[in-house]
């Protein structure tokens, strides 16, 4: 009994001693110091991660914008005028032959055929680099990932169709580019004298224009999606670290291209767009609680 009493008194004296107080203060200081250091490390890691991904997002936006501009230049300088001239000259030939059949044109004067036998430069935009950048370095999901893949596929299809046309032009030139009816039928995809229909060249023209439009539209759309992704990252950065020294997201201007009708309308890609429906993001818990409180108050007063 006395041993227990003596132990209790010794323990009580220890807890009341300066030694215990100093040890307790030191322990508490070490604990909170470690917590503070961990918090600082977490904030620094968060800041570095946000800054790195925003930088990668800006790089992807710039790359997508550059690809879009390069293809729009090809469309402006070559493809648009090539397609318009092809349709105009084909319609003119069809109308000429109709008038010859109906007697609207007399005589045997040969038709003045106009053809465009220029070789076109084959583009090689860095779409594979863009795809790898988006898929491997950005935390995006859904449509941006599909856009990155579709951009690479469209670029490959555009290169193939333009290369095919150059080969067809080479064959036309090797034949001396005759202006007889058989050549006209092959060039414009019209029925020949024996009823055969060769539309290889005409469908190649359509394919070039289609794939160029796809490439332009998908890069344009990717820039929009990446800008939105970057803004979300900046919002997270400011929410935790404040606005001071917050990174900026690259902004690109497509208004001149739209004014020049270089970007296809959304209607041409309606089926593609409907495959990626954006769902509204859930409200934060604090806002949901506030909204529920307002609804309850309104019901109570109503």
C-alpha atoms as a PDB file:
ATOM      1  CA  UNK A   1       0.000   0.000   0.000  1.00  0.00           C
ATOM      2  CA  UNK A   2       2.772   2.425   0.921  1.00  0.00           C
ATOM      3  CA  UNK A   3       4.642   1.432  -2.256  1.00  0.00           C
ATOM      4  CA  UNK A   4       1.623   2.410  -4.408  1.00  0.00           C
ATOM      5  CA  UNK A   5       1.247   5.667  -2.510  1.00  0.00           C
ATOM      6  CA  UNK A   6       4.926   6.477  -2.989  1.00  0.00           C
ATOM      7  CA  UNK A   7       4.743   5.702  -6.698  1.00  0.00           C
ATOM      8  CA  UNK A   8       1.689   7.922  -7.099  1.00  0.00           C
ATOM      9  CA  UNK A   9       3.408  10.822  -5.294  1.00  0.00           C
ATOM     10  CA  UNK A  10       6.539  10.419  -7.428  1.00  0.00           C
ATOM     11  CA  UNK A  11       4.470  10.344 -10.622  1.00  0.00           C
ATOM     12  CA  UNK A  12       2.494  13.412  -9.492  1.00  0.00           C
ATOM     13  CA  UNK A  13       5.686  15.303  -8.751  1.00  0.00           C
ATOM     14  CA  UNK A  14       7.076  14.378 -12.193  1.00  0.00           C
ATOM     15  CA  UNK A  15       4.037  15.676 -14.063  1.00  0.00           C
ATOM     16  CA  UNK A  16       4.210  18.887 -12.041  1.00  0.00           C
ATOM     17  CA  UNK A  17       7.932  19.323 -12.639  1.00  0.00           C
ATOM     18  CA  UNK A  18       9.572  21.732 -15.093  1.00  0.00           C
ATOM     19  CA  UNK A  19      11.136  18.745 -16.835  1.00  0.00           C
ATOM     20  CA  UNK A  20       7.755  17.364 -17.850  1.00  0.00           C
ATOM     21  CA  UNK A  21       6.524  20.801 -18.951  1.00  0.00           C
ATOM     22  CA  UNK A  22       9.590  21.306 -21.095  1.00  0.00           C
ATOM     23  CA  UNK A  23       9.243  17.855 -22.597  1.00  0.00           C
ATOM     24  CA  UNK A  24       5.539  18.455 -23.333  1.00  0.00           C
ATOM     25  CA  UNK A  25       6.243  21.802 -24.993  1.00  0.00           C
ATOM     26  CA  UNK A  26       9.020  20.288 -27.060  1.00  0.00           C
ATOM     27  CA  UNK A  27       6.791  17.401 -28.134  1.00  0.00           C
ATOM     28  CA  UNK A  28       3.948  19.718 -29.075  1.00  0.00           C
ATOM     29  CA  UNK A  29       6.319  21.968 -30.967  1.00  0.00           C
ATOM     30  CA  UNK A  30       7.736  19.048 -32.878  1.00  0.00           C
ATOM     31  CA  UNK A  31       4.244  17.776 -33.732  1.00  0.00           C
ATOM     32  CA  UNK A  32       2.878  21.076 -34.970  1.00  0.00           C
ATOM     33  CA  UNK A  33       6.177  21.867 -36.676  1.00  0.00           C
ATOM     34  CA  UNK A  34       5.939  18.613 -38.574  1.00  0.00           C
ATOM     35  CA  UNK A  35       2.321  19.325 -39.474  1.00  0.00           C
ATOM     36  CA  UNK A  36       3.243  22.806 -40.693  1.00  0.00           C
ATOM     37  CA  UNK A  37       6.148  21.454 -42.712  1.00  0.00           C
ATOM     38  CA  UNK A  38       3.891  18.780 -44.225  1.00  0.00           C
ATOM     39  CA  UNK A  39       1.282  21.410 -45.076  1.00  0.00           C
ATOM     40  CA  UNK A  40       3.911  23.602 -46.709  1.00  0.00           C
ATOM     41  CA  UNK A  41       5.236  20.645 -48.674  1.00  0.00           C
ATOM     42  CA  UNK A  42       1.718  19.749 -49.820  1.00  0.00           C
ATOM     43  CA  UNK A  43       1.062  23.337 -50.938  1.00  0.00           C
ATOM     44  CA  UNK A  44       4.347  23.485 -52.813  1.00  0.00           C
ATOM     45  CA  UNK A  45       3.664  20.149 -54.483  1.00  0.00           C
ATOM     46  CA  UNK A  46       0.143  21.300 -55.436  1.00  0.00           C
ATOM     47  CA  UNK A  47       1.530  24.569 -56.820  1.00  0.00           C
ATOM     48  CA  UNK A  48       4.190  22.796 -58.866  1.00  0.00           C
ATOM     49  CA  UNK A  49       1.683  20.276 -60.254  1.00  0.00           C
ATOM     50  CA  UNK A  50      -0.792  23.015 -61.229  1.00  0.00           C
ATOM     51  CA  UNK A  51       1.867  25.197 -62.828  1.00  0.00           C
ATOM     52  CA  UNK A  52       3.270  22.261 -64.790  1.00  0.00           C
ATOM     53  CA  UNK A  53      -0.090  21.138 -66.152  1.00  0.00           C
ATOM     54  CA  UNK A  54      -1.162  24.679 -67.022  1.00  0.00           C
ATOM     55  CA  UNK A  55       2.130  25.065 -68.891  1.00  0.00           C
ATOM     56  CA  UNK A  56       1.488  21.779 -70.709  1.00  0.00           C
ATOM     57  CA  UNK A  57      -2.067  22.896 -71.488  1.00  0.00           C
ATOM     58  CA  UNK A  58      -0.770  26.147 -72.970  1.00  0.00           C
ATOM     59  CA  UNK A  59       1.713  24.208 -75.093  1.00  0.00           C
ATOM     60  CA  UNK A  60      -1.081  21.974 -76.419  1.00  0.00           C
ATOM     61  CA  UNK A  61      -3.271  25.006 -77.203  1.00  0.00           C
ATOM     62  CA  UNK A  62      -0.440  26.664 -79.127  1.00  0.00           C
ATOM     63  CA  UNK A  63       0.334  23.468 -81.019  1.00  0.00           C
ATOM     64  CA  UNK A  64      -3.310  22.861 -81.932  1.00  0.00           C
ATOM     65  CA  UNK A  65      -3.688  26.478 -83.047  1.00  0.00           C
ATOM     66  CA  UNK A  66      -0.568  26.244 -85.210  1.00  0.00           C
ATOM     67  CA  UNK A  67      -1.830  23.058 -86.890  1.00  0.00           C
ATOM     68  CA  UNK A  68      -5.212  24.643 -87.510  1.00  0.00           C
ATOM     69  CA  UNK A  69      -3.621  27.732 -89.075  1.00  0.00           C
ATOM     70  CA  UNK A  70      -1.386  25.674 -91.347  1.00  0.00           C
ATOM     71  CA  UNK A  71      -4.323  23.690 -92.726  1.00  0.00           C
ATOM     72  CA  UNK A  72      -6.464  26.806 -93.079  1.00  0.00           C
ATOM     73  CA  UNK A  73      -3.675  28.315 -95.171  1.00  0.00           C
ATOM     74  CA  UNK A  74      -3.796  25.289 -97.506  1.00  0.00           C
ATOM     75  CA  UNK A  75      -7.562  25.581 -97.716  1.00  0.00           C
ATOM     76  CA  UNK A  76      -7.375  29.309 -98.453  1.00  0.00           C
ATOM     77  CA  UNK A  77      -4.576  29.096-101.013  1.00  0.00           C
ATOM     78  CA  UNK A  78      -5.396  25.842-102.788  1.00  0.00           C
ATOM     79  CA  UNK A  79      -8.314  23.650-101.782  1.00  0.00           C
ATOM     80  CA  UNK A  80     -11.154  26.159-101.762  1.00  0.00           C
ATOM     81  CA  UNK A  81     -10.379  27.594-105.201  1.00  0.00           C
ATOM     82  CA  UNK A  82      -9.612  24.117-106.576  1.00  0.00           C
ATOM     83  CA  UNK A  83     -12.997  22.779-105.452  1.00  0.00           C
ATOM     84  CA  UNK A  84     -14.916  25.847-106.627  1.00  0.00           C
ATOM     85  CA  UNK A  85     -13.258  25.778-110.056  1.00  0.00           C
ATOM     86  CA  UNK A  86     -13.826  22.037-110.374  1.00  0.00           C
ATOM     87  CA  UNK A  87     -17.563  22.340-109.671  1.00  0.00           C
ATOM     88  CA  UNK A  88     -17.917  25.393-111.928  1.00  0.00           C
ATOM     89  CA  UNK A  89     -16.096  23.807-114.865  1.00  0.00           C
ATOM     90  CA  UNK A  90     -17.941  20.510-114.457  1.00  0.00           C
ATOM     91  CA  UNK A  91     -21.299  22.277-114.478  1.00  0.00           C
ATOM     92  CA  UNK A  92     -20.217  24.290-117.509  1.00  0.00           C
ATOM     93  CA  UNK A  93     -19.313  21.106-119.392  1.00  0.00           C
ATOM     94  CA  UNK A  94     -22.593  19.409-118.445  1.00  0.00           C
ATOM     95  CA  UNK A  95     -24.523  22.478-119.626  1.00  0.00           C
ATOM     96  CA  UNK A  96     -22.534  22.636-122.858  1.00  0.00           C
ATOM     97  CA  UNK A  97     -23.269  19.001-123.656  1.00  0.00           C
ATOM     98  CA  UNK A  98     -26.955  19.493-122.836  1.00  0.00           C
ATOM     99  CA  UNK A  99     -27.157  22.385-125.308  1.00  0.00           C
ATOM    100  CA  UNK A 100     -25.366  20.352-127.959  1.00  0.00           C
ATOM    101  CA  UNK A 101     -27.911  17.565-127.565  1.00  0.00           C
ATOM    102  CA  UNK A 102     -30.903  19.913-127.716  1.00  0.00           C
ATOM    103  CA  UNK A 103     -29.572  22.030-130.570  1.00  0.00           C
ATOM    104  CA  UNK A 104     -28.834  25.043-128.441  1.00  0.00           C
ATOM    105  CA  UNK A 105     -25.256  25.016-129.741  1.00  0.00           C
ATOM    106  CA  UNK A 106     -24.498  24.440-133.433  1.00  0.00           C
ATOM    107  CA  UNK A 107     -21.291  23.434-135.143  1.00  0.00           C
ATOM    108  CA  UNK A 108     -18.401  21.200-134.208  1.00  0.00           C
ATOM    109  CA  UNK A 109     -16.142  23.633-132.417  1.00  0.00           C
ATOM    110  CA  UNK A 110     -14.247  21.784-129.636  1.00  0.00           C
ATOM    111  CA  UNK A 111     -15.100  22.555-126.061  1.00  0.00           C
ATOM    112  CA  UNK A 112     -12.552  24.757-124.313  1.00  0.00           C
ATOM    113  CA  UNK A 113     -11.804  22.576-121.324  1.00  0.00           C
ATOM    114  CA  UNK A 114     -10.150  24.160-118.288  1.00  0.00           C
ATOM    115  CA  UNK A 115      -8.354  21.840-115.904  1.00  0.00           C
ATOM    116  CA  UNK A 116      -6.082  22.398-112.918  1.00  0.00           C
ATOM    117  CA  UNK A 117      -3.064  20.102-113.151  1.00  0.00           C
ATOM    118  CA  UNK A 118      -0.947  21.705-110.418  1.00  0.00           C
ATOM    119  CA  UNK A 119       0.804  19.556-107.871  1.00  0.00           C
ATOM    120  CA  UNK A 120      -0.143  20.427-104.299  1.00  0.00           C
ATOM    121  CA  UNK A 121       2.259  20.461-101.343  1.00  0.00           C
ATOM    122  CA  UNK A 122       1.672  17.604 -98.914  1.00  0.00           C
ATOM    123  CA  UNK A 123       1.270  18.928 -95.353  1.00  0.00           C
ATOM    124  CA  UNK A 124       2.963  17.255 -92.400  1.00  0.00           C
ATOM    125  CA  UNK A 125       1.535  18.919 -89.287  1.00  0.00           C
ATOM    126  CA  UNK A 126       2.852  17.628 -85.939  1.00  0.00           C
ATOM    127  CA  UNK A 127      -0.400  15.919 -85.008  1.00  0.00           C
ATOM    128  CA  UNK A 128       1.299  12.895 -83.445  1.00  0.00           C
ATOM    129  CA  UNK A 129       3.181  15.233 -81.099  1.00  0.00           C
ATOM    130  CA  UNK A 130      -0.080  16.926 -80.168  1.00  0.00           C
ATOM    131  CA  UNK A 131      -1.821  13.597 -79.565  1.00  0.00           C
ATOM    132  CA  UNK A 132       0.966  12.325 -77.306  1.00  0.00           C
ATOM    133  CA  UNK A 133       1.001  15.617 -75.407  1.00  0.00           C
ATOM    134  CA  UNK A 134      -2.746  15.573 -74.728  1.00  0.00           C
ATOM    135  CA  UNK A 135      -3.005  11.865 -73.922  1.00  0.00           C
ATOM    136  CA  UNK A 136       0.137  11.565 -71.795  1.00  0.00           C
ATOM    137  CA  UNK A 137       0.566  14.919 -70.060  1.00  0.00           C
ATOM    138  CA  UNK A 138      -2.892  16.374 -69.428  1.00  0.00           C
ATOM    139  CA  UNK A 139      -5.562  15.244 -66.964  1.00  0.00           C
ATOM    140  CA  UNK A 140      -8.371  15.723 -69.473  1.00  0.00           C
ATOM    141  CA  UNK A 141     -11.128  13.180 -70.081  1.00  0.00           C
ATOM    142  CA  UNK A 142     -13.817  12.659 -72.680  1.00  0.00           C
ATOM    143  CA  UNK A 143     -13.976  14.854 -75.769  1.00  0.00           C
ATOM    144  CA  UNK A 144     -10.443  16.335 -75.733  1.00  0.00           C
ATOM    145  CA  UNK A 145      -8.945  12.846 -75.826  1.00  0.00           C
ATOM    146  CA  UNK A 146     -11.111  11.860 -78.777  1.00  0.00           C
ATOM    147  CA  UNK A 147     -10.297  15.125 -80.520  1.00  0.00           C
ATOM    148  CA  UNK A 148      -6.560  14.480 -80.209  1.00  0.00           C
ATOM    149  CA  UNK A 149      -6.976  11.062 -81.832  1.00  0.00           C
ATOM    150  CA  UNK A 150      -9.360  12.363 -84.518  1.00  0.00           C
ATOM    151  CA  UNK A 151      -6.889  15.120 -85.397  1.00  0.00           C
ATOM    152  CA  UNK A 152      -4.150  12.574 -86.086  1.00  0.00           C
ATOM    153  CA  UNK A 153      -6.508  10.430 -88.143  1.00  0.00           C
ATOM    154  CA  UNK A 154      -7.746  13.412 -90.177  1.00  0.00           C
ATOM    155  CA  UNK A 155      -4.193  14.586 -90.860  1.00  0.00           C
ATOM    156  CA  UNK A 156      -3.213  11.126 -92.117  1.00  0.00           C
ATOM    157  CA  UNK A 157      -6.303  10.987 -94.343  1.00  0.00           C
ATOM    158  CA  UNK A 158      -5.582  14.480 -95.719  1.00  0.00           C
ATOM    159  CA  UNK A 159      -1.994  13.552 -96.577  1.00  0.00           C
ATOM    160  CA  UNK A 160      -3.159  10.367 -98.278  1.00  0.00           C
ATOM    161  CA  UNK A 161      -5.855  12.088-100.371  1.00  0.00           C
ATOM    162  CA  UNK A 162      -3.521  14.908-101.458  1.00  0.00           C
ATOM    163  CA  UNK A 163      -0.814  12.406-102.343  1.00  0.00           C
ATOM    164  CA  UNK A 164      -3.352  10.408-104.353  1.00  0.00           C
ATOM    165  CA  UNK A 165      -4.342  13.518-106.301  1.00  0.00           C
ATOM    166  CA  UNK A 166      -0.714  14.302-107.101  1.00  0.00           C
ATOM    167  CA  UNK A 167      -0.313  10.779-108.451  1.00  0.00           C
ATOM    168  CA  UNK A 168      -3.434  11.203-110.571  1.00  0.00           C
ATOM    169  CA  UNK A 169      -2.149  14.554-111.878  1.00  0.00           C
ATOM    170  CA  UNK A 170       1.142  12.843-112.735  1.00  0.00           C
ATOM    171  CA  UNK A 171      -0.773  10.252-114.765  1.00  0.00           C
ATOM    172  CA  UNK A 172      -2.799  12.945-116.549  1.00  0.00           C
ATOM    173  CA  UNK A 173       0.393  14.791-117.467  1.00  0.00           C
ATOM    174  CA  UNK A 174       2.058  11.593-118.668  1.00  0.00           C
ATOM    175  CA  UNK A 175      -0.840  11.126-121.083  1.00  0.00           C
ATOM    176  CA  UNK A 176      -0.315  14.635-122.424  1.00  0.00           C
ATOM    177  CA  UNK A 177      -3.428  15.927-120.647  1.00  0.00           C
ATOM    178  CA  UNK A 178      -5.679  15.396-123.687  1.00  0.00           C
ATOM    179  CA  UNK A 179      -8.868  17.390-124.016  1.00  0.00           C
ATOM    180  CA  UNK A 180     -11.018  14.685-125.618  1.00  0.00           C
ATOM    181  CA  UNK A 181     -14.320  13.439-124.187  1.00  0.00           C
ATOM    182  CA  UNK A 182     -12.740  10.398-122.551  1.00  0.00           C
ATOM    183  CA  UNK A 183     -10.377  12.621-120.559  1.00  0.00           C
ATOM    184  CA  UNK A 184     -13.228  14.948-119.580  1.00  0.00           C
ATOM    185  CA  UNK A 185     -15.226  11.980-118.298  1.00  0.00           C
ATOM    186  CA  UNK A 186     -12.321  10.773-116.141  1.00  0.00           C
ATOM    187  CA  UNK A 187     -11.461  14.238-114.878  1.00  0.00           C
ATOM    188  CA  UNK A 188     -14.988  15.273-113.879  1.00  0.00           C
ATOM    189  CA  UNK A 189     -16.378  11.841-113.005  1.00  0.00           C
ATOM    190  CA  UNK A 190     -18.945  11.773-115.834  1.00  0.00           C
ATOM    191  CA  UNK A 191     -20.241   8.783-117.823  1.00  0.00           C
ATOM    192  CA  UNK A 192     -17.968   7.918-120.729  1.00  0.00           C
ATOM    193  CA  UNK A 193     -19.114   7.026-124.212  1.00  0.00           C
ATOM    194  CA  UNK A 194     -19.433   3.329-123.315  1.00  0.00           C
ATOM    195  CA  UNK A 195     -21.382   4.131-120.128  1.00  0.00           C
ATOM    196  CA  UNK A 196     -18.527   3.564-117.663  1.00  0.00           C
ATOM    197  CA  UNK A 197     -18.148   5.939-114.744  1.00  0.00           C
ATOM    198  CA  UNK A 198     -14.712   6.797-113.367  1.00  0.00           C
ATOM    199  CA  UNK A 199     -15.062   9.043-110.306  1.00  0.00           C
ATOM    200  CA  UNK A 200     -11.625   8.475-108.786  1.00  0.00           C
ATOM    201  CA  UNK A 201     -10.374  12.010-109.390  1.00  0.00           C
ATOM    202  CA  UNK A 202     -13.614  13.757-108.436  1.00  0.00           C
ATOM    203  CA  UNK A 203     -13.965  11.784-105.189  1.00  0.00           C
ATOM    204  CA  UNK A 204     -10.332  12.567-104.385  1.00  0.00           C
ATOM    205  CA  UNK A 205     -11.133  16.294-104.618  1.00  0.00           C
ATOM    206  CA  UNK A 206     -14.065  15.789-102.238  1.00  0.00           C
ATOM    207  CA  UNK A 207     -11.900  13.756 -99.852  1.00  0.00           C
ATOM    208  CA  UNK A 208      -9.216  16.458 -99.663  1.00  0.00           C
ATOM    209  CA  UNK A 209     -11.757  19.138 -98.809  1.00  0.00           C
ATOM    210  CA  UNK A 210     -13.530  16.912 -96.270  1.00  0.00           C
ATOM    211  CA  UNK A 211     -10.382  15.875 -94.392  1.00  0.00           C
ATOM    212  CA  UNK A 212      -9.054  19.433 -94.359  1.00  0.00           C
ATOM    213  CA  UNK A 213     -12.332  20.659 -92.865  1.00  0.00           C
ATOM    214  CA  UNK A 214     -12.238  17.890 -90.261  1.00  0.00           C
ATOM    215  CA  UNK A 215      -8.693  18.785 -89.297  1.00  0.00           C
ATOM    216  CA  UNK A 216      -9.523  22.487 -89.048  1.00  0.00           C
ATOM    217  CA  UNK A 217     -12.672  21.919 -87.018  1.00  0.00           C
ATOM    218  CA  UNK A 218     -11.174  19.397 -84.609  1.00  0.00           C
ATOM    219  CA  UNK A 219      -8.134  21.563 -83.848  1.00  0.00           C
ATOM    220  CA  UNK A 220     -10.430  24.554 -83.377  1.00  0.00           C
ATOM    221  CA  UNK A 221     -12.606  22.573 -80.973  1.00  0.00           C
ATOM    222  CA  UNK A 222      -9.600  21.225 -79.095  1.00  0.00           C
ATOM    223  CA  UNK A 223      -8.351  24.758 -78.470  1.00  0.00           C
ATOM    224  CA  UNK A 224     -11.726  25.605 -76.925  1.00  0.00           C
ATOM    225  CA  UNK A 225     -11.733  22.502 -74.716  1.00  0.00           C
ATOM    226  CA  UNK A 226      -8.144  23.013 -73.576  1.00  0.00           C
ATOM    227  CA  UNK A 227      -8.824  26.652 -72.739  1.00  0.00           C
ATOM    228  CA  UNK A 228     -11.717  25.515 -70.557  1.00  0.00           C
ATOM    229  CA  UNK A 229      -9.506  22.877 -68.921  1.00  0.00           C
ATOM    230  CA  UNK A 230      -6.806  25.459 -68.256  1.00  0.00           C
ATOM    231  CA  UNK A 231      -9.316  27.862 -66.705  1.00  0.00           C
ATOM    232  CA  UNK A 232     -10.455  25.108 -64.336  1.00  0.00           C
ATOM    233  CA  UNK A 233      -6.866  24.500 -63.273  1.00  0.00           C
ATOM    234  CA  UNK A 234      -6.313  28.200 -62.654  1.00  0.00           C
ATOM    235  CA  UNK A 235      -9.508  28.265 -60.588  1.00  0.00           C
ATOM    236  CA  UNK A 236      -8.192  25.435 -58.409  1.00  0.00           C
ATOM    237  CA  UNK A 237      -4.856  27.207 -58.053  1.00  0.00           C
ATOM    238  CA  UNK A 238      -6.484  30.466 -56.950  1.00  0.00           C
ATOM    239  CA  UNK A 239      -8.886  28.647 -54.604  1.00  0.00           C
ATOM    240  CA  UNK A 240      -6.002  27.175 -52.621  1.00  0.00           C
ATOM    241  CA  UNK A 241      -3.084  29.560 -53.155  1.00  0.00           C
ATOM    242  CA  UNK A 242      -4.752  32.857 -54.004  1.00  0.00           C
ATOM    243  CA  UNK A 243      -4.605  34.990 -57.132  1.00  0.00           C
ATOM    244  CA  UNK A 244      -1.085  36.287 -56.582  1.00  0.00           C
ATOM    245  CA  UNK A 245       1.318  34.862 -59.174  1.00  0.00           C
ATOM    246  CA  UNK A 246      -1.450  32.650 -60.598  1.00  0.00           C
ATOM    247  CA  UNK A 247      -0.571  31.245 -64.062  1.00  0.00           C
ATOM    248  CA  UNK A 248      -2.393  32.452 -67.167  1.00  0.00           C
ATOM    249  CA  UNK A 249      -4.009  30.315 -69.854  1.00  0.00           C
ATOM    250  CA  UNK A 250      -3.114  30.948 -73.500  1.00  0.00           C
ATOM    251  CA  UNK A 251      -5.890  32.587 -75.519  1.00  0.00           C
ATOM    252  CA  UNK A 252      -6.163  32.191 -79.275  1.00  0.00           C
ATOM    253  CA  UNK A 253      -8.297  34.173 -81.714  1.00  0.00           C
ATOM    254  CA  UNK A 254     -10.237  32.349 -84.422  1.00  0.00           C
ATOM    255  CA  UNK A 255     -12.386  35.347 -85.379  1.00  0.00           C
ATOM    256  CA  UNK A 256     -10.443  36.129 -88.619  1.00  0.00           C
ATOM    257  CA  UNK A 257     -10.787  32.499 -89.721  1.00  0.00           C
ATOM    258  CA  UNK A 258     -14.512  32.558 -88.979  1.00  0.00           C
ATOM    259  CA  UNK A 259     -14.929  35.792 -90.901  1.00  0.00           C
ATOM    260  CA  UNK A 260     -13.198  34.144 -93.887  1.00  0.00           C
ATOM    261  CA  UNK A 261     -15.453  31.059 -93.612  1.00  0.00           C
ATOM    262  CA  UNK A 262     -12.467  28.788 -93.074  1.00  0.00           C
ATOM    263  CA  UNK A 263     -13.964  27.004 -90.058  1.00  0.00           C
ATOM    264  CA  UNK A 264     -16.836  24.641 -90.945  1.00  0.00           C
ATOM    265  CA  UNK A 265     -20.153  25.257 -89.147  1.00  0.00           C
ATOM    266  CA  UNK A 266     -21.161  23.112 -86.177  1.00  0.00           C
ATOM    267  CA  UNK A 267     -24.060  21.700 -88.180  1.00  0.00           C
ATOM    268  CA  UNK A 268     -21.668  19.724 -90.373  1.00  0.00           C
ATOM    269  CA  UNK A 269     -20.418  17.889 -87.278  1.00  0.00           C
ATOM    270  CA  UNK A 270     -23.704  17.566 -85.401  1.00  0.00           C
ATOM    271  CA  UNK A 271     -23.567  13.766 -85.155  1.00  0.00           C
ATOM    272  CA  UNK A 272     -20.002  13.909 -83.844  1.00  0.00           C
ATOM    273  CA  UNK A 273     -20.791  16.597 -81.287  1.00  0.00           C
ATOM    274  CA  UNK A 274     -23.822  14.783 -79.866  1.00  0.00           C
ATOM    275  CA  UNK A 275     -21.613  11.835 -78.950  1.00  0.00           C
ATOM    276  CA  UNK A 276     -19.967  13.953 -76.240  1.00  0.00           C
ATOM    277  CA  UNK A 277     -22.620  15.486 -74.022  1.00  0.00           C
ATOM    278  CA  UNK A 278     -21.207  17.642 -71.249  1.00  0.00           C
ATOM    279  CA  UNK A 279     -22.823  16.895 -67.918  1.00  0.00           C
ATOM    280  CA  UNK A 280     -23.191  19.698 -65.372  1.00  0.00           C
ATOM    281  CA  UNK A 281     -20.637  19.525 -62.597  1.00  0.00           C
ATOM    282  CA  UNK A 282     -21.998  18.877 -59.088  1.00  0.00           C
ATOM    283  CA  UNK A 283     -22.130  21.857 -56.758  1.00  0.00           C
ATOM    284  CA  UNK A 284     -19.679  21.969 -53.863  1.00  0.00           C
ATOM    285  CA  UNK A 285     -21.014  20.638 -50.562  1.00  0.00           C
ATOM    286  CA  UNK A 286     -21.241  24.132 -49.032  1.00  0.00           C
ATOM    287  CA  UNK A 287     -23.320  25.447 -51.946  1.00  0.00           C
ATOM    288  CA  UNK A 288     -25.574  22.383 -51.917  1.00  0.00           C
ATOM    289  CA  UNK A 289     -26.203  22.883 -48.177  1.00  0.00           C
ATOM    290  CA  UNK A 290     -26.998  26.575 -48.732  1.00  0.00           C
ATOM    291  CA  UNK A 291     -29.348  25.744 -51.584  1.00  0.00           C
ATOM    292  CA  UNK A 292     -31.141  23.121 -49.465  1.00  0.00           C
ATOM    293  CA  UNK A 293     -31.507  25.645 -46.624  1.00  0.00           C
ATOM    294  CA  UNK A 294     -33.072  28.195 -48.961  1.00  0.00           C
ATOM    295  CA  UNK A 295     -35.497  25.605 -50.347  1.00  0.00           C
ATOM    296  CA  UNK A 296     -36.517  24.556 -46.818  1.00  0.00           C
ATOM    297  CA  UNK A 297     -37.088  28.172 -45.805  1.00  0.00           C
ATOM    298  CA  UNK A 298     -39.148  28.811 -48.875  1.00  0.00           C
ATOM    299  CA  UNK A 299     -41.278  25.743 -48.248  1.00  0.00           C
ATOM    300  CA  UNK A 300     -41.723  26.716 -44.592  1.00  0.00           C
ATOM    301  CA  UNK A 301     -42.892  30.247 -45.460  1.00  0.00           C
ATOM    302  CA  UNK A 302     -45.034  29.033 -48.325  1.00  0.00           C
END
